[in-house]
């Protein structure tokens, strides 16, 4: 029998753990309310990104954090403080799954294309320990440059992150779990033996059905992660 500490649970964030909109768009809204960004900045960035992705999809993805260039990196800490009262609508069932993994002694990971600083802010709201593999922003003299460091954690990079974490922590990938809601999560899902798709779009649902993977429809959200620990399994559906 595989020791529980050698079993991992890899969770995507946006749409799997967190109800839409994404964590990064929530951060953008925070920046707008603080007048750190203007609507014009976001529109200009969106138009530039839309044009760039047509000719250079990979390059556009890597450079799509340019709207943060020059902003204080400490804004991520201020965003985290704004979450102190359980402001994020996390799926109740996802938190129940996490709680079960912790109770079994499994290691829990967040593997996401979202910004590392935002994933960390959210992770510190959770009622148990998690490790994070997300997209890291470059910082120079306390300010973001708008560039990323290393890989953007999307698509194949998610699968690579799961494998690297398994190697680092001595995990059995065949006995481990992965949770995702998009075809972009397939490399991560394919890295483990126990695959769970959450609120899947039609293409992912078709794949999951043909492969016999577990399919979950998670709708109910809860503001405070700590309060979900007292829910019964029926309440968490």
Foldseek 3Di string as FASTA:
>chain_A
DDQLAQAEEEEEPDQWFFDDDDLVVVLVVVCCVVVVDDPVLVVVLVVVLVVVCVPPVQVSLQQSLQSQAPPFPCSLVVVLVVLPQLATFTFLLSLVVVVVSVVSNYAYEYQYLDEPSSVVSVQVLAPDDYHYDYWYFDDDPRGTRSGTDDDRRWALNSLVVLVVVSVVSVHDQANYEYEEAEPRCVSNQVSHNAYEYEVHDPVVVVVCVVVVHHYYYTDHTDRHSVVSVPDDPVVSD
